[in-house]
């Protein structure tokens, strides 16, 4: 039960930060985004994410989809082990969006 709650928090947090990035990209940069991957690519292109952070963000998006589409114990355990890395990435991404928005 605890693992599933963590997965729900990951899904909610990652979608929320992607939406914040989309709003920033549209309002400040004039870039319309239609998918999580496009949001990650644009965030990377504008320096909100480093190449390594973008790589982790793509991995997180894939894992989020895996959580929703299939449930297998091995996949769930792999994703559970990655949760701390994803939490750190989400904080960094949100801070970068906030910093860029304040600078504009």
C-alpha atoms as a PDB file:
ATOM      1  CA  UNK A   1       0.000   0.000   0.000  1.00  0.00           C
ATOM      2  CA  UNK A   2       2.819   2.421   0.855  1.00  0.00           C
ATOM      3  CA  UNK A   3       4.516   1.819  -2.503  1.00  0.00           C
ATOM      4  CA  UNK A   4       1.308   2.485  -4.410  1.00  0.00           C
ATOM      5  CA  UNK A   5       0.797   5.737  -2.501  1.00  0.00           C
ATOM      6  CA  UNK A   6       4.340   6.774  -3.434  1.00  0.00           C
ATOM      7  CA  UNK A   7       3.564   6.014  -7.083  1.00  0.00           C
ATOM      8  CA  UNK A   8       0.449   8.192  -6.919  1.00  0.00           C
ATOM      9  CA  UNK A   9       2.491  11.019  -5.399  1.00  0.00           C
ATOM     10  CA  UNK A  10       5.094  10.627  -8.160  1.00  0.00           C
ATOM     11  CA  UNK A  11       2.412  10.781 -10.818  1.00  0.00           C
ATOM     12  CA  UNK A  12       0.728  13.827  -9.291  1.00  0.00           C
ATOM     13  CA  UNK A  13       3.984  15.700  -8.632  1.00  0.00           C
ATOM     14  CA  UNK A  14       5.496  15.015 -12.045  1.00  0.00           C
ATOM     15  CA  UNK A  15       2.307  16.011 -13.872  1.00  0.00           C
ATOM     16  CA  UNK A  16       2.047  19.183 -11.771  1.00  0.00           C
ATOM     17  CA  UNK A  17       5.602  20.233 -12.540  1.00  0.00           C
ATOM     18  CA  UNK A  18       5.179  19.420 -16.229  1.00  0.00           C
ATOM     19  CA  UNK A  19       2.092  21.674 -16.224  1.00  0.00           C
ATOM     20  CA  UNK A  20       4.095  24.431 -14.515  1.00  0.00           C
ATOM     21  CA  UNK A  21       6.811  24.049 -17.154  1.00  0.00           C
ATOM     22  CA  UNK A  22       4.210  24.132 -19.926  1.00  0.00           C
ATOM     23  CA  UNK A  23       2.716  27.342 -18.535  1.00  0.00           C
ATOM     24  CA  UNK A  24       6.134  28.935 -18.239  1.00  0.00           C
ATOM     25  CA  UNK A  25       7.098  27.870 -21.764  1.00  0.00           C
ATOM     26  CA  UNK A  26       3.862  29.241 -23.204  1.00  0.00           C
ATOM     27  CA  UNK A  27       3.701  32.483 -21.210  1.00  0.00           C
ATOM     28  CA  UNK A  28       7.364  33.462 -21.205  1.00  0.00           C
ATOM     29  CA  UNK A  29       8.817  31.763 -24.268  1.00  0.00           C
ATOM     30  CA  UNK A  30       5.809  31.523 -26.593  1.00  0.00           C
ATOM     31  CA  UNK A  31       6.271  27.767 -26.970  1.00  0.00           C
ATOM     32  CA  UNK A  32       3.134  25.620 -27.123  1.00  0.00           C
ATOM     33  CA  UNK A  33       3.735  22.131 -25.725  1.00  0.00           C
ATOM     34  CA  UNK A  34       1.561  19.104 -26.428  1.00  0.00           C
ATOM     35  CA  UNK A  35       3.225  16.231 -24.610  1.00  0.00           C
ATOM     36  CA  UNK A  36       5.381  15.461 -21.575  1.00  0.00           C
ATOM     37  CA  UNK A  37       8.331  14.534 -23.784  1.00  0.00           C
ATOM     38  CA  UNK A  38       8.065  17.822 -25.704  1.00  0.00           C
ATOM     39  CA  UNK A  39       7.962  19.644 -22.376  1.00  0.00           C
ATOM     40  CA  UNK A  40      11.138  17.887 -21.256  1.00  0.00           C
ATOM     41  CA  UNK A  41      12.875  18.606 -24.582  1.00  0.00           C
ATOM     42  CA  UNK A  42      11.942  22.292 -24.462  1.00  0.00           C
ATOM     43  CA  UNK A  43      12.933  22.592 -20.807  1.00  0.00           C
ATOM     44  CA  UNK A  44      16.308  21.122 -21.685  1.00  0.00           C
ATOM     45  CA  UNK A  45      16.730  23.335 -24.759  1.00  0.00           C
ATOM     46  CA  UNK A  46      16.106  26.455 -22.651  1.00  0.00           C
ATOM     47  CA  UNK A  47      18.483  25.380 -19.894  1.00  0.00           C
ATOM     48  CA  UNK A  48      15.878  24.510 -17.282  1.00  0.00           C
ATOM     49  CA  UNK A  49      17.264  20.953 -17.270  1.00  0.00           C
ATOM     50  CA  UNK A  50      20.807  19.736 -17.873  1.00  0.00           C
ATOM     51  CA  UNK A  51      21.311  16.862 -20.311  1.00  0.00           C
ATOM     52  CA  UNK A  52      21.540  14.399 -17.398  1.00  0.00           C
ATOM     53  CA  UNK A  53      18.431  15.830 -15.747  1.00  0.00           C
ATOM     54  CA  UNK A  54      16.528  15.599 -19.032  1.00  0.00           C
ATOM     55  CA  UNK A  55      17.598  11.952 -19.307  1.00  0.00           C
ATOM     56  CA  UNK A  56      16.220  11.262 -15.820  1.00  0.00           C
ATOM     57  CA  UNK A  57      13.027  13.170 -16.695  1.00  0.00           C
ATOM     58  CA  UNK A  58      12.486  10.982 -19.774  1.00  0.00           C
ATOM     59  CA  UNK A  59      13.067   7.889 -17.630  1.00  0.00           C
ATOM     60  CA  UNK A  60      10.582   9.209 -15.066  1.00  0.00           C
ATOM     61  CA  UNK A  61       7.950   9.836 -17.755  1.00  0.00           C
ATOM     62  CA  UNK A  62       8.394   6.290 -19.027  1.00  0.00           C
ATOM     63  CA  UNK A  63       8.160   4.880 -15.522  1.00  0.00           C
ATOM     64  CA  UNK A  64       5.027   6.915 -14.856  1.00  0.00           C
ATOM     65  CA  UNK A  65       3.461   5.416 -17.970  1.00  0.00           C
ATOM     66  CA  UNK A  66       4.543   1.933 -16.896  1.00  0.00           C
ATOM     67  CA  UNK A  67       2.865   2.441 -13.524  1.00  0.00           C
ATOM     68  CA  UNK A  68      -0.403   3.385 -15.198  1.00  0.00           C
ATOM     69  CA  UNK A  69      -0.419   0.817 -17.999  1.00  0.00           C
ATOM     70  CA  UNK A  70       0.971  -2.321 -16.417  1.00  0.00           C
ATOM     71  CA  UNK A  71       1.496  -3.591 -12.938  1.00  0.00           C
ATOM     72  CA  UNK A  72       4.228  -6.120 -12.464  1.00  0.00           C
ATOM     73  CA  UNK A  73       6.101  -6.578  -9.218  1.00  0.00           C
ATOM     74  CA  UNK A  74       9.532  -6.336 -10.869  1.00  0.00           C
ATOM     75  CA  UNK A  75       8.645  -3.072 -12.630  1.00  0.00           C
ATOM     76  CA  UNK A  76       7.128  -1.661  -9.449  1.00  0.00           C
ATOM     77  CA  UNK A  77      10.244  -2.454  -7.441  1.00  0.00           C
ATOM     78  CA  UNK A  78      12.530  -0.907 -10.073  1.00  0.00           C
ATOM     79  CA  UNK A  79      10.479   2.284 -10.044  1.00  0.00           C
ATOM     80  CA  UNK A  80      10.326   2.346  -6.230  1.00  0.00           C
ATOM     81  CA  UNK A  81      14.127   2.377  -6.088  1.00  0.00           C
ATOM     82  CA  UNK A  82      14.201   5.385  -8.451  1.00  0.00           C
ATOM     83  CA  UNK A  83      11.734   7.522  -6.467  1.00  0.00           C
ATOM     84  CA  UNK A  84      14.382   9.495  -4.496  1.00  0.00           C
ATOM     85  CA  UNK A  85      16.142  10.431  -7.742  1.00  0.00           C
ATOM     86  CA  UNK A  86      12.845  11.548  -9.257  1.00  0.00           C
ATOM     87  CA  UNK A  87      11.957  13.627  -6.188  1.00  0.00           C
ATOM     88  CA  UNK A  88      15.314  15.408  -6.432  1.00  0.00           C
ATOM     89  CA  UNK A  89      14.812  16.042 -10.163  1.00  0.00           C
ATOM     90  CA  UNK A  90      11.327  17.462  -9.642  1.00  0.00           C
ATOM     91  CA  UNK A  91      12.627  19.899  -7.005  1.00  0.00           C
ATOM     92  CA  UNK A  92      15.462  21.019  -9.303  1.00  0.00           C
ATOM     93  CA  UNK A  93      13.101  21.459 -12.259  1.00  0.00           C
ATOM     94  CA  UNK A  94      10.566  23.447 -10.240  1.00  0.00           C
ATOM     95  CA  UNK A  95      13.322  25.663  -8.824  1.00  0.00           C
ATOM     96  CA  UNK A  96      14.656  26.286 -12.354  1.00  0.00           C
ATOM     97  CA  UNK A  97      11.189  27.259 -13.596  1.00  0.00           C
ATOM     98  CA  UNK A  98      10.726  29.593 -10.622  1.00  0.00           C
ATOM     99  CA  UNK A  99      14.146  31.208 -11.124  1.00  0.00           C
ATOM    100  CA  UNK A 100      13.578  31.684 -14.871  1.00  0.00           C
ATOM    101  CA  UNK A 101      10.107  33.138 -14.316  1.00  0.00           C
ATOM    102  CA  UNK A 102      11.414  35.627 -11.748  1.00  0.00           C
ATOM    103  CA  UNK A 103      14.250  36.675 -14.063  1.00  0.00           C
ATOM    104  CA  UNK A 104      11.937  37.389 -16.972  1.00  0.00           C
END
